[in-house]
Amino acid sequence: MSGAPADFLRLGGRVAVVTGGGRNIGRACALRLAQAGAQVVVADVVEANAQEVVREIEAAGGQALALPLDIAKLDSVQAMVDAACAHFGTVHILVNNAAKFSSLTYKAMDEIPLDEWDEVIHTNITGSFYCARQALPHMKRAGWGRIINVSSGTYRMGRPLFLHYVSTKAAMMGMSRSMARELGPHGITVNTVLPGVVLHGLQSSRLPEDYKAMIQGMQCIPQPLDCDALADAVAFLSSDAARFITGQELAVDGGLTHGG
């Protein structure tokens, strides 16, 4: 062994970009990566949220930078990556967490407006592709990289009334596996995290109490899932401990979809 196991989980000297890093899962990931020693770029469409997370990181002794980001716009993605590299020198880790979700409402598939369908597909899939594509040259130059795509357990469950969102999260699996094949020779791993039902904020308010109880009862671990559990998984996949893991799907859902 080249070091103690704990050393494998340290991210000192690494620069991580977390998209959608201003709240919920993204916030938890940014805080956890900073705790592990990474310099963190908190990128969010609401820059004020990103700045608040940066203040939390800096208050704990970490280094972070807040940047505005609309992943649906290539020029915004490029500006974010350029600013991250100007400030920290490069990008080693990309957590593709941002997605169009909170503004969506439940609709039957034949009631989804076609422009809304196009917007969700473009933002969630093309936007994640933009982020990976623009960060890629920096990872290639370093000969080391981690791309963690945040999908969703909804694709395994076939969740109804959310067809456009669920379709993008399923598509992310194929994108991740293909990227893993292509980028492995460059020392870059690509994996996907599948969150279960995280009962926070808007997500919690949307769901009836009996549905929440049903979901928790279906889990092997019958406890509420929190964002910190997802952040721990992302930090692991970002570390040298996961250096030989790529093209994989890691469901962090208490066993909700373990048969999927």
C-alpha atoms as a PDB file:
ATOM      1  CA  MET A   1       0.000   0.000   0.000  1.00  0.00           C
ATOM      2  CA  SER A   2       1.210   3.482  -0.855  1.00  0.00           C
ATOM      3  CA  GLY A   3      -0.478   5.109   2.114  1.00  0.00           C
ATOM      4  CA  ALA A   4      -2.995   4.687   4.888  1.00  0.00           C
ATOM      5  CA  PRO A   5      -6.577   4.073   3.728  1.00  0.00           C
ATOM      6  CA  ALA A   6      -7.623   7.489   5.003  1.00  0.00           C
ATOM      7  CA  ASP A   7      -5.110   9.100   2.622  1.00  0.00           C
ATOM      8  CA  PHE A   8      -6.948   7.609  -0.353  1.00  0.00           C
ATOM      9  CA  LEU A   9     -10.014   9.670   0.544  1.00  0.00           C
ATOM     10  CA  ARG A  10      -8.150  12.968   0.729  1.00  0.00           C
ATOM     11  CA  LEU A  11      -8.516  15.424  -2.129  1.00  0.00           C
ATOM     12  CA  GLY A  12      -5.777  17.917  -1.324  1.00  0.00           C
ATOM     13  CA  GLY A  13      -4.455  19.549  -4.485  1.00  0.00           C
ATOM     14  CA  ARG A  14      -7.591  18.706  -6.480  1.00  0.00           C
ATOM     15  CA  VAL A  15      -9.964  21.249  -7.955  1.00  0.00           C
ATOM     16  CA  ALA A  16     -13.626  20.262  -8.024  1.00  0.00           C
ATOM     17  CA  VAL A  17     -16.530  21.878  -9.858  1.00  0.00           C
ATOM     18  CA  VAL A  18     -20.015  21.195  -8.512  1.00  0.00           C
ATOM     19  CA  THR A  19     -22.820  22.335 -10.787  1.00  0.00           C
ATOM     20  CA  GLY A  20     -26.065  23.212  -9.076  1.00  0.00           C
ATOM     21  CA  GLY A  21     -23.884  23.590  -5.998  1.00  0.00           C
ATOM     22  CA  GLY A  22     -25.950  26.253  -4.296  1.00  0.00           C
ATOM     23  CA  ARG A  23     -28.461  24.067  -2.503  1.00  0.00           C
ATOM     24  CA  ASN A  24     -29.584  20.570  -1.540  1.00  0.00           C
ATOM     25  CA  ILE A  25     -27.453  17.739  -3.025  1.00  0.00           C
ATOM     26  CA  GLY A  26     -25.053  20.130  -4.748  1.00  0.00           C
ATOM     27  CA  ARG A  27     -24.452  22.094  -1.560  1.00  0.00           C
ATOM     28  CA  ALA A  28     -23.777  18.926   0.414  1.00  0.00           C
ATOM     29  CA  CYS A  29     -21.317  17.722  -2.244  1.00  0.00           C
ATOM     30  CA  ALA A  30     -19.473  21.038  -2.294  1.00  0.00           C
ATOM     31  CA  LEU A  31     -19.134  21.063   1.490  1.00  0.00           C
ATOM     32  CA  ARG A  32     -17.975  17.427   1.619  1.00  0.00           C
ATOM     33  CA  LEU A  33     -15.388  17.823  -1.148  1.00  0.00           C
ATOM     34  CA  ALA A  34     -14.016  20.911   0.561  1.00  0.00           C
ATOM     35  CA  GLN A  35     -13.856  19.004   3.841  1.00  0.00           C
ATOM     36  CA  ALA A  36     -11.762  16.372   2.032  1.00  0.00           C
ATOM     37  CA  GLY A  37      -9.309  19.077   0.988  1.00  0.00           C
ATOM     38  CA  ALA A  38     -10.426  19.991  -2.528  1.00  0.00           C
ATOM     39  CA  GLN A  39     -10.607  23.547  -3.796  1.00  0.00           C
ATOM     40  CA  VAL A  40     -14.249  23.831  -4.807  1.00  0.00           C
ATOM     41  CA  VAL A  41     -15.992  25.832  -7.497  1.00  0.00           C
ATOM     42  CA  VAL A  42     -19.633  26.212  -6.503  1.00  0.00           C
ATOM     43  CA  ALA A  43     -21.468  26.881  -9.767  1.00  0.00           C
ATOM     44  CA  ASP A  44     -25.157  27.705  -9.749  1.00  0.00           C
ATOM     45  CA  VAL A  45     -27.744  29.556 -11.791  1.00  0.00           C
ATOM     46  CA  VAL A  46     -28.568  31.476  -8.589  1.00  0.00           C
ATOM     47  CA  GLU A  47     -25.202  32.989  -7.750  1.00  0.00           C
ATOM     48  CA  ALA A  48     -26.352  34.190  -4.323  1.00  0.00           C
ATOM     49  CA  ASN A  49     -26.920  30.572  -3.282  1.00  0.00           C
ATOM     50  CA  ALA A  50     -23.444  29.644  -4.492  1.00  0.00           C
ATOM     51  CA  GLN A  51     -21.919  32.537  -2.552  1.00  0.00           C
ATOM     52  CA  GLU A  52     -23.616  31.376   0.631  1.00  0.00           C
ATOM     53  CA  VAL A  53     -22.096  27.896   0.235  1.00  0.00           C
ATOM     54  CA  VAL A  54     -18.677  29.455  -0.383  1.00  0.00           C
ATOM     55  CA  ARG A  55     -19.013  31.378   2.863  1.00  0.00           C
ATOM     56  CA  GLU A  56     -19.763  28.105   4.673  1.00  0.00           C
ATOM     57  CA  ILE A  57     -16.690  26.462   3.153  1.00  0.00           C
ATOM     58  CA  GLU A  58     -14.415  29.383   3.945  1.00  0.00           C
ATOM     59  CA  ALA A  59     -15.734  29.601   7.506  1.00  0.00           C
ATOM     60  CA  ALA A  60     -14.598  25.993   7.954  1.00  0.00           C
ATOM     61  CA  GLY A  61     -11.135  26.804   6.607  1.00  0.00           C
ATOM     62  CA  GLY A  62     -11.601  25.625   3.021  1.00  0.00           C
ATOM     63  CA  GLN A  63     -11.071  27.303  -0.333  1.00  0.00           C
ATOM     64  CA  ALA A  64     -13.954  27.903  -2.714  1.00  0.00           C
ATOM     65  CA  LEU A  65     -15.189  30.117  -5.513  1.00  0.00           C
ATOM     66  CA  ALA A  66     -18.786  30.980  -6.438  1.00  0.00           C
ATOM     67  CA  LEU A  67     -19.571  31.290 -10.132  1.00  0.00           C
ATOM     68  CA  PRO A  68     -22.795  31.829 -12.087  1.00  0.00           C
ATOM     69  CA  LEU A  69     -23.747  28.971 -14.401  1.00  0.00           C
ATOM     70  CA  ASP A  70     -26.575  28.145 -16.769  1.00  0.00           C
ATOM     71  CA  ILE A  71     -25.696  24.674 -18.030  1.00  0.00           C
ATOM     72  CA  ALA A  72     -28.120  25.016 -20.939  1.00  0.00           C
ATOM     73  CA  LYS A  73     -25.876  27.698 -22.476  1.00  0.00           C
ATOM     74  CA  LEU A  74     -22.483  26.703 -23.837  1.00  0.00           C
ATOM     75  CA  ASP A  75     -21.040  30.195 -23.444  1.00  0.00           C
ATOM     76  CA  SER A  76     -22.025  30.177 -19.756  1.00  0.00           C
ATOM     77  CA  VAL A  77     -20.377  26.801 -19.245  1.00  0.00           C
ATOM     78  CA  GLN A  78     -17.214  27.931 -21.009  1.00  0.00           C
ATOM     79  CA  ALA A  79     -17.067  31.140 -18.967  1.00  0.00           C
ATOM     80  CA  MET A  80     -17.450  29.138 -15.753  1.00  0.00           C
ATOM     81  CA  VAL A  81     -14.658  26.692 -16.656  1.00  0.00           C
ATOM     82  CA  ASP A  82     -12.378  29.527 -17.772  1.00  0.00           C
ATOM     83  CA  ALA A  83     -12.969  31.423 -14.527  1.00  0.00           C
ATOM     84  CA  ALA A  84     -12.398  28.273 -12.453  1.00  0.00           C
ATOM     85  CA  CYS A  85      -9.083  27.628 -14.191  1.00  0.00           C
ATOM     86  CA  ALA A  86      -8.029  31.259 -13.925  1.00  0.00           C
ATOM     87  CA  HIS A  87      -8.629  31.122 -10.170  1.00  0.00           C
ATOM     88  CA  PHE A  88      -7.485  27.597  -9.238  1.00  0.00           C
ATOM     89  CA  GLY A  89      -5.368  26.601 -12.252  1.00  0.00           C
ATOM     90  CA  THR A  90      -7.318  23.623 -13.591  1.00  0.00           C
ATOM     91  CA  VAL A  91     -10.290  21.302 -13.087  1.00  0.00           C
ATOM     92  CA  HIS A  92      -9.804  17.728 -11.827  1.00  0.00           C
ATOM     93  CA  ILE A  93     -13.301  16.782 -10.635  1.00  0.00           C
ATOM     94  CA  LEU A  94     -16.680  17.552 -12.169  1.00  0.00           C
ATOM     95  CA  VAL A  95     -19.905  16.786 -10.340  1.00  0.00           C
ATOM     96  CA  ASN A  96     -22.675  17.117 -12.931  1.00  0.00           C
ATOM     97  CA  ASN A  97     -25.493  17.799 -10.504  1.00  0.00           C
ATOM     98  CA  ALA A  98     -27.391  20.722 -12.046  1.00  0.00           C
ATOM     99  CA  ALA A  99     -30.639  19.821 -13.780  1.00  0.00           C
ATOM    100  CA  LYS A 100     -34.025  21.267 -14.572  1.00  0.00           C
ATOM    101  CA  PHE A 101     -36.257  19.798 -11.888  1.00  0.00           C
ATOM    102  CA  SER A 102     -37.647  22.142  -9.247  1.00  0.00           C
ATOM    103  CA  SER A 103     -39.667  24.222 -11.703  1.00  0.00           C
ATOM    104  CA  LEU A 104     -41.381  21.181 -13.221  1.00  0.00           C
ATOM    105  CA  THR A 105     -44.864  20.048 -12.240  1.00  0.00           C
ATOM    106  CA  TYR A 106     -46.360  16.594 -12.574  1.00  0.00           C
ATOM    107  CA  LYS A 107     -48.029  16.073 -15.954  1.00  0.00           C
ATOM    108  CA  ALA A 108     -49.323  13.152 -17.977  1.00  0.00           C
ATOM    109  CA  MET A 109     -47.091  12.512 -20.974  1.00  0.00           C
ATOM    110  CA  ASP A 110     -49.692  13.794 -23.418  1.00  0.00           C
ATOM    111  CA  GLU A 111     -49.948  17.037 -21.456  1.00  0.00           C
ATOM    112  CA  ILE A 112     -46.245  17.925 -21.466  1.00  0.00           C
ATOM    113  CA  PRO A 113     -45.773  20.966 -23.739  1.00  0.00           C
ATOM    114  CA  LEU A 114     -43.291  20.161 -26.497  1.00  0.00           C
ATOM    115  CA  ASP A 115     -41.191  23.213 -25.714  1.00  0.00           C
ATOM    116  CA  GLU A 116     -40.962  22.065 -22.075  1.00  0.00           C
ATOM    117  CA  TRP A 117     -39.885  18.597 -23.242  1.00  0.00           C
ATOM    118  CA  ASP A 118     -37.172  20.117 -25.421  1.00  0.00           C
ATOM    119  CA  GLU A 119     -35.983  22.400 -22.623  1.00  0.00           C
ATOM    120  CA  VAL A 120     -35.659  19.581 -20.092  1.00  0.00           C
ATOM    121  CA  ILE A 121     -33.840  17.295 -22.538  1.00  0.00           C
ATOM    122  CA  HIS A 122     -31.490  20.085 -23.615  1.00  0.00           C
ATOM    123  CA  THR A 123     -30.738  21.292 -20.099  1.00  0.00           C
ATOM    124  CA  ASN A 124     -30.308  17.980 -18.328  1.00  0.00           C
ATOM    125  CA  ILE A 125     -28.478  15.997 -20.994  1.00  0.00           C
ATOM    126  CA  THR A 126     -26.897  18.496 -23.357  1.00  0.00           C
ATOM    127  CA  GLY A 127     -26.029  20.755 -20.430  1.00  0.00           C
ATOM    128  CA  SER A 128     -24.219  17.939 -18.621  1.00  0.00           C
ATOM    129  CA  PHE A 129     -22.412  17.132 -21.872  1.00  0.00           C
ATOM    130  CA  TYR A 130     -21.361  20.780 -22.211  1.00  0.00           C
ATOM    131  CA  CYS A 131     -19.851  20.760 -18.714  1.00  0.00           C
ATOM    132  CA  ALA A 132     -17.930  17.525 -19.263  1.00  0.00           C
ATOM    133  CA  ARG A 133     -16.755  18.599 -22.713  1.00  0.00           C
ATOM    134  CA  GLN A 134     -15.402  21.952 -21.559  1.00  0.00           C
ATOM    135  CA  ALA A 135     -13.687  20.493 -18.471  1.00  0.00           C
ATOM    136  CA  LEU A 136     -12.187  17.599 -20.413  1.00  0.00           C
ATOM    137  CA  PRO A 137      -9.072  19.309 -21.873  1.00  0.00           C
ATOM    138  CA  HIS A 138      -7.930  20.235 -18.374  1.00  0.00           C
ATOM    139  CA  MET A 139      -8.383  16.694 -17.080  1.00  0.00           C
ATOM    140  CA  LYS A 140      -6.536  15.293 -20.087  1.00  0.00           C
ATOM    141  CA  ARG A 141      -3.595  17.619 -19.491  1.00  0.00           C
ATOM    142  CA  ALA A 142      -3.440  16.506 -15.867  1.00  0.00           C
ATOM    143  CA  GLY A 143      -3.762  12.831 -16.809  1.00  0.00           C
ATOM    144  CA  TRP A 144      -6.263  12.530 -13.967  1.00  0.00           C
ATOM    145  CA  GLY A 145      -9.940  13.250 -13.729  1.00  0.00           C
ATOM    146  CA  ARG A 146     -13.223  12.332 -12.140  1.00  0.00           C
ATOM    147  CA  ILE A 147     -16.641  12.929 -13.659  1.00  0.00           C
ATOM    148  CA  ILE A 148     -19.581  12.063 -11.441  1.00  0.00           C
ATOM    149  CA  ASN A 149     -22.973  12.366 -13.104  1.00  0.00           C
ATOM    150  CA  VAL A 150     -25.940  12.685 -10.765  1.00  0.00           C
ATOM    151  CA  SER A 151     -28.821  10.671 -12.181  1.00  0.00           C
ATOM    152  CA  SER A 152     -31.868   9.493 -10.230  1.00  0.00           C
ATOM    153  CA  GLY A 153     -33.422   6.303  -8.942  1.00  0.00           C
ATOM    154  CA  THR A 154     -36.630   7.412 -10.679  1.00  0.00           C
ATOM    155  CA  TYR A 155     -35.467   5.811 -13.907  1.00  0.00           C
ATOM    156  CA  ARG A 156     -35.356   2.390 -12.220  1.00  0.00           C
ATOM    157  CA  MET A 157     -38.784   2.867 -10.697  1.00  0.00           C
ATOM    158  CA  GLY A 158     -40.403   4.189 -13.879  1.00  0.00           C
ATOM    159  CA  ARG A 159     -41.875   7.144 -12.009  1.00  0.00           C
ATOM    160  CA  PRO A 160     -44.999   8.435 -13.816  1.00  0.00           C
ATOM    161  CA  LEU A 161     -46.019  12.015 -14.607  1.00  0.00           C
ATOM    162  CA  PHE A 162     -42.399  13.142 -14.945  1.00  0.00           C
ATOM    163  CA  LEU A 163     -41.494  11.539 -18.254  1.00  0.00           C
ATOM    164  CA  HIS A 164     -39.120  14.185 -19.558  1.00  0.00           C
ATOM    165  CA  TYR A 165     -37.115  14.358 -16.321  1.00  0.00           C
ATOM    166  CA  VAL A 166     -36.959  10.587 -15.874  1.00  0.00           C
ATOM    167  CA  SER A 167     -35.939  10.133 -19.513  1.00  0.00           C
ATOM    168  CA  THR A 168     -32.977  12.466 -19.066  1.00  0.00           C
ATOM    169  CA  LYS A 169     -31.845  10.621 -15.965  1.00  0.00           C
ATOM    170  CA  ALA A 170     -31.985   7.309 -17.840  1.00  0.00           C
ATOM    171  CA  ALA A 171     -30.048   8.813 -20.747  1.00  0.00           C
ATOM    172  CA  MET A 172     -27.347   9.887 -18.320  1.00  0.00           C
ATOM    173  CA  MET A 173     -26.529   6.218 -17.709  1.00  0.00           C
ATOM    174  CA  GLY A 174     -25.652   5.584 -21.345  1.00  0.00           C
ATOM    175  CA  MET A 175     -23.690   8.810 -21.543  1.00  0.00           C
ATOM    176  CA  SER A 176     -21.668   7.878 -18.467  1.00  0.00           C
ATOM    177  CA  ARG A 177     -20.831   4.379 -19.687  1.00  0.00           C
ATOM    178  CA  SER A 178     -19.764   5.586 -23.112  1.00  0.00           C
ATOM    179  CA  MET A 179     -17.667   8.381 -21.616  1.00  0.00           C
ATOM    180  CA  ALA A 180     -16.007   5.906 -19.262  1.00  0.00           C
ATOM    181  CA  ARG A 181     -14.880   3.775 -22.230  1.00  0.00           C
ATOM    182  CA  GLU A 182     -13.599   6.789 -24.109  1.00  0.00           C
ATOM    183  CA  LEU A 183     -11.832   8.578 -21.265  1.00  0.00           C
ATOM    184  CA  GLY A 184     -10.309   5.704 -19.305  1.00  0.00           C
ATOM    185  CA  PRO A 185      -7.051   5.792 -21.310  1.00  0.00           C
ATOM    186  CA  HIS A 186      -6.601   9.410 -20.194  1.00  0.00           C
ATOM    187  CA  GLY A 187      -6.773   8.547 -16.488  1.00  0.00           C
ATOM    188  CA  ILE A 188     -10.330   9.835 -16.179  1.00  0.00           C
ATOM    189  CA  THR A 189     -13.082   7.849 -14.488  1.00  0.00           C
ATOM    190  CA  VAL A 190     -16.786   8.445 -15.092  1.00  0.00           C
ATOM    191  CA  ASN A 191     -19.435   7.155 -12.728  1.00  0.00           C
ATOM    192  CA  THR A 192     -23.065   7.827 -11.955  1.00  0.00           C
ATOM    193  CA  VAL A 193     -24.769   8.334  -8.611  1.00  0.00           C
ATOM    194  CA  LEU A 194     -28.468   7.476  -8.353  1.00  0.00           C
ATOM    195  CA  PRO A 195     -30.086   9.317  -5.453  1.00  0.00           C
ATOM    196  CA  GLY A 196     -33.173   7.858  -3.896  1.00  0.00           C
ATOM    197  CA  VAL A 197     -35.989  10.021  -2.553  1.00  0.00           C
ATOM    198  CA  VAL A 198     -34.408  12.892  -0.641  1.00  0.00           C
ATOM    199  CA  LEU A 199     -37.114  14.565   1.375  1.00  0.00           C
ATOM    200  CA  HIS A 200     -36.002  18.169   1.392  1.00  0.00           C
ATOM    201  CA  GLY A 201     -37.636  21.460   0.461  1.00  0.00           C
ATOM    202  CA  LEU A 202     -39.797  21.372  -2.651  1.00  0.00           C
ATOM    203  CA  GLN A 203     -39.404  17.638  -3.135  1.00  0.00           C
ATOM    204  CA  SER A 204     -40.864  16.988   0.303  1.00  0.00           C
ATOM    205  CA  SER A 205     -43.734  19.433  -0.144  1.00  0.00           C
ATOM    206  CA  ARG A 206     -44.761  17.783  -3.420  1.00  0.00           C
ATOM    207  CA  LEU A 207     -45.193  14.326  -1.962  1.00  0.00           C
ATOM    208  CA  PRO A 208     -48.139  13.104   0.120  1.00  0.00           C
ATOM    209  CA  GLU A 209     -47.252  11.805   3.561  1.00  0.00           C
ATOM    210  CA  ASP A 210     -48.510   8.307   2.730  1.00  0.00           C
ATOM    211  CA  TYR A 211     -46.227   8.200  -0.328  1.00  0.00           C
ATOM    212  CA  LYS A 212     -43.224   9.234   1.785  1.00  0.00           C
ATOM    213  CA  ALA A 213     -44.041   6.493   4.275  1.00  0.00           C
ATOM    214  CA  MET A 214     -44.432   3.955   1.468  1.00  0.00           C
ATOM    215  CA  ILE A 215     -41.042   4.831  -0.033  1.00  0.00           C
ATOM    216  CA  GLN A 216     -39.289   4.634   3.315  1.00  0.00           C
ATOM    217  CA  GLY A 217     -40.990   1.298   3.984  1.00  0.00           C
ATOM    218  CA  MET A 218     -39.682  -0.084   0.679  1.00  0.00           C
ATOM    219  CA  GLN A 219     -36.089   0.761   1.572  1.00  0.00           C
ATOM    220  CA  CYS A 220     -33.864  -1.909   3.100  1.00  0.00           C
ATOM    221  CA  ILE A 221     -32.711   0.807   5.493  1.00  0.00           C
ATOM    222  CA  PRO A 222     -36.023   2.322   6.663  1.00  0.00           C
ATOM    223  CA  GLN A 223     -34.663   5.760   7.458  1.00  0.00           C
ATOM    224  CA  PRO A 224     -34.957   9.107   5.660  1.00  0.00           C
ATOM    225  CA  LEU A 225     -32.281   9.701   3.035  1.00  0.00           C
ATOM    226  CA  ASP A 226     -30.331  12.919   3.463  1.00  0.00           C
ATOM    227  CA  CYS A 227     -28.045  14.844   1.142  1.00  0.00           C
ATOM    228  CA  ASP A 228     -24.951  14.077   3.224  1.00  0.00           C
ATOM    229  CA  ALA A 229     -25.157  10.374   2.349  1.00  0.00           C
ATOM    230  CA  LEU A 230     -25.070  11.283  -1.330  1.00  0.00           C
ATOM    231  CA  ALA A 231     -22.191  13.689  -0.774  1.00  0.00           C
ATOM    232  CA  ASP A 232     -20.159  10.945   0.897  1.00  0.00           C
ATOM    233  CA  ALA A 233     -20.653   8.710  -2.153  1.00  0.00           C
ATOM    234  CA  VAL A 234     -19.566  11.523  -4.478  1.00  0.00           C
ATOM    235  CA  ALA A 235     -16.474  12.202  -2.358  1.00  0.00           C
ATOM    236  CA  PHE A 236     -15.544   8.511  -2.488  1.00  0.00           C
ATOM    237  CA  LEU A 237     -15.901   8.363  -6.280  1.00  0.00           C
ATOM    238  CA  SER A 238     -13.781  11.532  -6.518  1.00  0.00           C
ATOM    239  CA  SER A 239     -10.936   9.996  -4.526  1.00  0.00           C
ATOM    240  CA  ASP A 240      -8.027   7.689  -5.243  1.00  0.00           C
ATOM    241  CA  ALA A 241      -9.878   4.998  -3.321  1.00  0.00           C
ATOM    242  CA  ALA A 242     -12.137   4.741  -6.394  1.00  0.00           C
ATOM    243  CA  ARG A 243      -9.285   4.870  -8.920  1.00  0.00           C
ATOM    244  CA  PHE A 244     -10.273   1.540 -10.554  1.00  0.00           C
ATOM    245  CA  ILE A 245     -14.026   2.145 -10.539  1.00  0.00           C
ATOM    246  CA  THR A 246     -15.509   3.543 -13.736  1.00  0.00           C
ATOM    247  CA  GLY A 247     -18.630   3.174 -15.841  1.00  0.00           C
ATOM    248  CA  GLN A 248     -20.591   2.198 -12.739  1.00  0.00           C
ATOM    249  CA  GLU A 249     -23.945   3.151 -11.233  1.00  0.00           C
ATOM    250  CA  LEU A 250     -24.040   3.688  -7.487  1.00  0.00           C
ATOM    251  CA  ALA A 251     -27.544   3.834  -6.038  1.00  0.00           C
ATOM    252  CA  VAL A 252     -27.637   5.718  -2.760  1.00  0.00           C
ATOM    253  CA  ASP A 253     -31.200   4.996  -1.738  1.00  0.00           C
ATOM    254  CA  GLY A 254     -31.183   2.718   1.289  1.00  0.00           C
ATOM    255  CA  GLY A 255     -31.800  -0.281  -0.959  1.00  0.00           C
ATOM    256  CA  LEU A 256     -35.013   1.126  -2.480  1.00  0.00           C
ATOM    257  CA  THR A 257     -34.092  -0.009  -6.013  1.00  0.00           C
ATOM    258  CA  HIS A 258     -31.633  -2.785  -5.266  1.00  0.00           C
ATOM    259  CA  GLY A 259     -33.510  -5.192  -7.494  1.00  0.00           C
ATOM    260  CA  GLY A 260     -33.383  -2.797 -10.453  1.00  0.00           C
END
